[in-house]
Amino acid sequence: MKPAAKTLKIYTAKKIYPVSSEPIENGTVVTKNGKIVAIGTQKGIKERFSYPASSIECRASIIPAFVNAHTHLELDQFAGRVKIPQDFVPWIEEASMIFQKEFQENLHPEINADSLKKVGICAIGDISSVGFSPKILNESGVSARIFHEGLDVLSANTEA
């Protein structure tokens, strides 16, 4: 017997990215009282559950994770090394000086993409100055949109 339609919400999507398995093409997520009770293919779910009038068709993907819309992967390794000032300008000047000084020999950006996945982030909007982001993110499996930073931290004049 199929569960009553009134207590369920059914979401369909072109692709669903579950935590515990590979992505599901033409997938469905079923919730009851705000909790996921089933996930599977649209065909498989139709066989198990009644579709309520309020079923929702998503034209994108469903992901059980966080999206960080503003990251700077190439600057992450310098976290904690720049004092937090009251104003933005002194902060960006100090961060730029550290970045310029250590850029060539100490930059290890691949570490940063792994740390995103560890905390449940599956998609980001990364702001990149020097172009490391595409390579890092392509190898990491983290979905992303990359934006080019207008401030060139490698040649920025930090003098007032």
C-alpha atoms as a PDB file:
ATOM      1  CA  MET A   1       0.000   0.000   0.000  1.00  0.00           C
ATOM      2  CA  LYS A   2       1.285   3.463  -0.919  1.00  0.00           C
ATOM      3  CA  PRO A   3       1.660   6.115   1.841  1.00  0.00           C
ATOM      4  CA  ALA A   4      -1.035   8.807   1.901  1.00  0.00           C
ATOM      5  CA  ALA A   5      -0.338  11.655  -0.484  1.00  0.00           C
ATOM      6  CA  LYS A   6      -1.318  14.416   1.966  1.00  0.00           C
ATOM      7  CA  THR A   7       1.647  13.823   4.278  1.00  0.00           C
ATOM      8  CA  LEU A   8       4.317  13.713   1.573  1.00  0.00           C
ATOM      9  CA  LYS A   9       6.201  16.223  -0.548  1.00  0.00           C
ATOM     10  CA  ILE A  10       7.855  14.865  -3.641  1.00  0.00           C
ATOM     11  CA  TYR A  11      10.660  16.715  -5.441  1.00  0.00           C
ATOM     12  CA  THR A  12      11.852  15.628  -8.874  1.00  0.00           C
ATOM     13  CA  ALA A  13      15.012  16.854 -10.566  1.00  0.00           C
ATOM     14  CA  LYS A  14      17.182  16.136 -13.576  1.00  0.00           C
ATOM     15  CA  LYS A  15      19.942  15.076 -11.200  1.00  0.00           C
ATOM     16  CA  ILE A  16      20.109  14.379  -7.467  1.00  0.00           C
ATOM     17  CA  TYR A  17      23.393  14.185  -5.581  1.00  0.00           C
ATOM     18  CA  PRO A  18      22.851  11.957  -2.529  1.00  0.00           C
ATOM     19  CA  VAL A  19      25.427  11.821   0.239  1.00  0.00           C
ATOM     20  CA  SER A  20      25.676   8.029   0.261  1.00  0.00           C
ATOM     21  CA  SER A  21      25.695   7.091  -3.436  1.00  0.00           C
ATOM     22  CA  GLU A  22      26.451   8.199  -6.967  1.00  0.00           C
ATOM     23  CA  PRO A  23      24.306  10.938  -8.577  1.00  0.00           C
ATOM     24  CA  ILE A  24      20.821   9.857  -9.678  1.00  0.00           C
ATOM     25  CA  GLU A  25      19.641  10.947 -13.140  1.00  0.00           C
ATOM     26  CA  ASN A  26      15.936  11.873 -13.252  1.00  0.00           C
ATOM     27  CA  GLY A  27      15.748  11.478  -9.501  1.00  0.00           C
ATOM     28  CA  THR A  28      13.152  12.038  -6.826  1.00  0.00           C
ATOM     29  CA  VAL A  29      13.351  12.981  -3.151  1.00  0.00           C
ATOM     30  CA  VAL A  30      10.372  12.279  -0.896  1.00  0.00           C
ATOM     31  CA  THR A  31       9.938  14.153   2.392  1.00  0.00           C
ATOM     32  CA  LYS A  32       7.502  13.676   5.234  1.00  0.00           C
ATOM     33  CA  ASN A  33       7.204  16.407   7.864  1.00  0.00           C
ATOM     34  CA  GLY A  34      10.403  18.017   6.570  1.00  0.00           C
ATOM     35  CA  LYS A  35      12.537  14.849   6.735  1.00  0.00           C
ATOM     36  CA  ILE A  36      13.776  12.810   3.789  1.00  0.00           C
ATOM     37  CA  VAL A  37      12.068   9.410   3.758  1.00  0.00           C
ATOM     38  CA  ALA A  38      13.093   8.162   0.315  1.00  0.00           C
ATOM     39  CA  ILE A  39      15.349   8.937  -2.603  1.00  0.00           C
ATOM     40  CA  GLY A  40      15.589   7.204  -5.956  1.00  0.00           C
ATOM     41  CA  THR A  41      14.691   7.305  -9.613  1.00  0.00           C
ATOM     42  CA  GLN A  42      11.411   8.906 -10.600  1.00  0.00           C
ATOM     43  CA  LYS A  43      10.149   5.557 -11.887  1.00  0.00           C
ATOM     44  CA  GLY A  44      11.088   3.708  -8.711  1.00  0.00           C
ATOM     45  CA  ILE A  45       9.543   6.327  -6.433  1.00  0.00           C
ATOM     46  CA  LYS A  46       6.290   6.423  -8.452  1.00  0.00           C
ATOM     47  CA  GLU A  47       5.906   2.723  -7.774  1.00  0.00           C
ATOM     48  CA  ARG A  48       6.260   3.251  -3.997  1.00  0.00           C
ATOM     49  CA  PHE A  49       4.521   6.595  -3.335  1.00  0.00           C
ATOM     50  CA  SER A  50       1.442   8.530  -4.439  1.00  0.00           C
ATOM     51  CA  TYR A  51       2.237  11.866  -6.047  1.00  0.00           C
ATOM     52  CA  PRO A  52       0.431  14.676  -4.188  1.00  0.00           C
ATOM     53  CA  ALA A  53      -0.953  17.683  -6.042  1.00  0.00           C
ATOM     54  CA  SER A  54       1.864  19.734  -4.479  1.00  0.00           C
ATOM     55  CA  SER A  55       4.761  17.748  -5.958  1.00  0.00           C
ATOM     56  CA  ILE A  56       7.590  20.030  -7.036  1.00  0.00           C
ATOM     57  CA  GLU A  57       9.521  19.681 -10.277  1.00  0.00           C
ATOM     58  CA  CYS A  58      12.984  21.212 -10.085  1.00  0.00           C
ATOM     59  CA  ARG A  59      14.660  22.272 -13.306  1.00  0.00           C
ATOM     60  CA  ALA A  60      18.095  21.961 -11.755  1.00  0.00           C
ATOM     61  CA  SER A  61      19.896  19.601  -9.395  1.00  0.00           C
ATOM     62  CA  ILE A  62      19.095  18.728  -5.808  1.00  0.00           C
ATOM     63  CA  ILE A  63      22.087  18.660  -3.488  1.00  0.00           C
ATOM     64  CA  PRO A  64      22.157  17.867   0.231  1.00  0.00           C
ATOM     65  CA  ALA A  65      24.984  20.238   0.988  1.00  0.00           C
ATOM     66  CA  PHE A  66      26.033  23.829   1.482  1.00  0.00           C
ATOM     67  CA  VAL A  67      26.890  26.403  -1.170  1.00  0.00           C
ATOM     68  CA  ASN A  68      29.510  29.041  -0.349  1.00  0.00           C
ATOM     69  CA  ALA A  69      28.911  31.869  -2.772  1.00  0.00           C
ATOM     70  CA  HIS A  70      32.083  33.850  -1.986  1.00  0.00           C
ATOM     71  CA  THR A  71      35.446  32.134  -1.516  1.00  0.00           C
ATOM     72  CA  HIS A  72      39.076  33.032  -2.203  1.00  0.00           C
ATOM     73  CA  LEU A  73      40.804  29.633  -2.371  1.00  0.00           C
ATOM     74  CA  GLU A  74      44.171  31.102  -3.267  1.00  0.00           C
ATOM     75  CA  LEU A  75      44.126  33.202  -0.070  1.00  0.00           C
ATOM     76  CA  ASP A  76      42.882  30.509   2.350  1.00  0.00           C
ATOM     77  CA  GLN A  77      46.352  29.383   3.405  1.00  0.00           C
ATOM     78  CA  PHE A  78      47.019  32.856   4.792  1.00  0.00           C
ATOM     79  CA  ALA A  79      44.002  32.744   7.129  1.00  0.00           C
ATOM     80  CA  GLY A  80      44.829  33.879  10.653  1.00  0.00           C
ATOM     81  CA  ARG A  81      48.025  35.624   9.581  1.00  0.00           C
ATOM     82  CA  VAL A  82      46.459  39.002   8.840  1.00  0.00           C
ATOM     83  CA  LYS A  83      45.245  41.070  11.772  1.00  0.00           C
ATOM     84  CA  ILE A  84      41.558  41.911  11.676  1.00  0.00           C
ATOM     85  CA  PRO A  85      41.472  45.726  11.489  1.00  0.00           C
ATOM     86  CA  GLN A  86      38.488  48.020  11.800  1.00  0.00           C
ATOM     87  CA  ASP A  87      38.678  48.975   8.120  1.00  0.00           C
ATOM     88  CA  PHE A  88      38.915  46.990   4.909  1.00  0.00           C
ATOM     89  CA  VAL A  89      41.745  48.969   3.265  1.00  0.00           C
ATOM     90  CA  PRO A  90      44.427  48.169   5.908  1.00  0.00           C
ATOM     91  CA  TRP A  91      43.346  44.521   5.842  1.00  0.00           C
ATOM     92  CA  ILE A  92      43.621  44.158   2.064  1.00  0.00           C
ATOM     93  CA  GLU A  93      46.968  45.992   2.075  1.00  0.00           C
ATOM     94  CA  GLU A  94      48.437  43.597   4.645  1.00  0.00           C
ATOM     95  CA  ALA A  95      46.952  40.532   2.952  1.00  0.00           C
ATOM     96  CA  SER A  96      48.351  41.662  -0.413  1.00  0.00           C
ATOM     97  CA  MET A  97      51.850  42.146   1.040  1.00  0.00           C
ATOM     98  CA  ILE A  98      51.857  38.634   2.533  1.00  0.00           C
ATOM     99  CA  PHE A  99      50.528  37.148  -0.690  1.00  0.00           C
ATOM    100  CA  GLN A 100      53.152  38.921  -2.823  1.00  0.00           C
ATOM    101  CA  LYS A 101      55.993  37.939  -0.496  1.00  0.00           C
ATOM    102  CA  GLU A 102      55.120  34.247  -0.223  1.00  0.00           C
ATOM    103  CA  PHE A 103      53.293  33.573  -3.460  1.00  0.00           C
ATOM    104  CA  GLN A 104      56.013  31.877  -5.505  1.00  0.00           C
ATOM    105  CA  GLU A 105      57.430  29.466  -2.942  1.00  0.00           C
ATOM    106  CA  ASN A 106      54.681  28.634  -0.485  1.00  0.00           C
ATOM    107  CA  LEU A 107      51.338  28.509  -2.258  1.00  0.00           C
ATOM    108  CA  HIS A 108      49.632  25.114  -1.874  1.00  0.00           C
ATOM    109  CA  PRO A 109      46.016  25.749  -2.939  1.00  0.00           C
ATOM    110  CA  GLU A 110      45.050  22.098  -3.484  1.00  0.00           C
ATOM    111  CA  ILE A 111      44.603  21.681   0.286  1.00  0.00           C
ATOM    112  CA  ASN A 112      41.786  24.203   0.326  1.00  0.00           C
ATOM    113  CA  ALA A 113      39.335  22.417  -1.977  1.00  0.00           C
ATOM    114  CA  ASP A 114      39.553  19.282   0.181  1.00  0.00           C
ATOM    115  CA  SER A 115      38.676  21.305   3.270  1.00  0.00           C
ATOM    116  CA  LEU A 116      35.459  22.466   1.577  1.00  0.00           C
ATOM    117  CA  LYS A 117      34.177  18.921   1.171  1.00  0.00           C
ATOM    118  CA  LYS A 118      35.038  18.048   4.770  1.00  0.00           C
ATOM    119  CA  VAL A 119      32.554  20.642   6.042  1.00  0.00           C
ATOM    120  CA  GLY A 120      29.776  19.757   3.594  1.00  0.00           C
ATOM    121  CA  ILE A 121      30.290  22.386   0.905  1.00  0.00           C
ATOM    122  CA  CYS A 122      29.600  21.019  -2.563  1.00  0.00           C
ATOM    123  CA  ALA A 123      29.469  24.206  -4.632  1.00  0.00           C
ATOM    124  CA  ILE A 124      31.223  27.568  -4.479  1.00  0.00           C
ATOM    125  CA  GLY A 125      31.620  30.919  -6.153  1.00  0.00           C
ATOM    126  CA  ASP A 126      35.370  31.525  -6.071  1.00  0.00           C
ATOM    127  CA  ILE A 127      37.011  34.884  -6.637  1.00  0.00           C
ATOM    128  CA  SER A 128      40.443  34.359  -8.206  1.00  0.00           C
ATOM    129  CA  SER A 129      43.246  36.851  -8.810  1.00  0.00           C
ATOM    130  CA  VAL A 130      45.956  34.639 -10.260  1.00  0.00           C
ATOM    131  CA  GLY A 131      44.050  31.813 -11.924  1.00  0.00           C
ATOM    132  CA  PHE A 132      44.664  28.816  -9.651  1.00  0.00           C
ATOM    133  CA  SER A 133      40.962  28.189  -9.057  1.00  0.00           C
ATOM    134  CA  PRO A 134      40.061  26.385 -12.301  1.00  0.00           C
ATOM    135  CA  LYS A 135      42.789  23.752 -11.864  1.00  0.00           C
ATOM    136  CA  ILE A 136      42.130  23.260  -8.136  1.00  0.00           C
ATOM    137  CA  LEU A 137      38.382  22.975  -8.559  1.00  0.00           C
ATOM    138  CA  ASN A 138      38.493  20.815 -11.679  1.00  0.00           C
ATOM    139  CA  GLU A 139      40.560  18.234  -9.786  1.00  0.00           C
ATOM    140  CA  SER A 140      38.505  18.485  -6.570  1.00  0.00           C
ATOM    141  CA  GLY A 141      35.041  17.573  -7.807  1.00  0.00           C
ATOM    142  CA  VAL A 142      33.569  20.669  -6.129  1.00  0.00           C
ATOM    143  CA  SER A 143      31.083  22.406  -8.428  1.00  0.00           C
ATOM    144  CA  ALA A 144      31.966  26.065  -8.932  1.00  0.00           C
ATOM    145  CA  ARG A 145      31.617  29.330 -10.732  1.00  0.00           C
ATOM    146  CA  ILE A 146      34.862  31.285 -10.883  1.00  0.00           C
ATOM    147  CA  PHE A 147      35.027  35.066 -11.001  1.00  0.00           C
ATOM    148  CA  HIS A 148      38.125  37.072 -11.869  1.00  0.00           C
ATOM    149  CA  GLU A 149      39.201  39.475  -9.114  1.00  0.00           C
ATOM    150  CA  GLY A 150      39.655  43.059 -10.255  1.00  0.00           C
ATOM    151  CA  LEU A 151      42.377  43.640  -7.625  1.00  0.00           C
ATOM    152  CA  ASP A 152      45.720  42.240  -8.716  1.00  0.00           C
ATOM    153  CA  VAL A 153      47.252  41.104  -5.412  1.00  0.00           C
ATOM    154  CA  LEU A 154      50.579  40.253  -7.020  1.00  0.00           C
ATOM    155  CA  SER A 155      51.326  43.728  -8.315  1.00  0.00           C
ATOM    156  CA  ALA A 156      49.039  45.863  -6.151  1.00  0.00           C
ATOM    157  CA  ASN A 157      50.653  49.032  -4.872  1.00  0.00           C
ATOM    158  CA  THR A 158      50.078  48.835  -1.124  1.00  0.00           C
ATOM    159  CA  GLU A 159      51.532  52.270  -0.357  1.00  0.00           C
ATOM    160  CA  ALA A 160      49.022  54.932   0.683  1.00  0.00           C
END
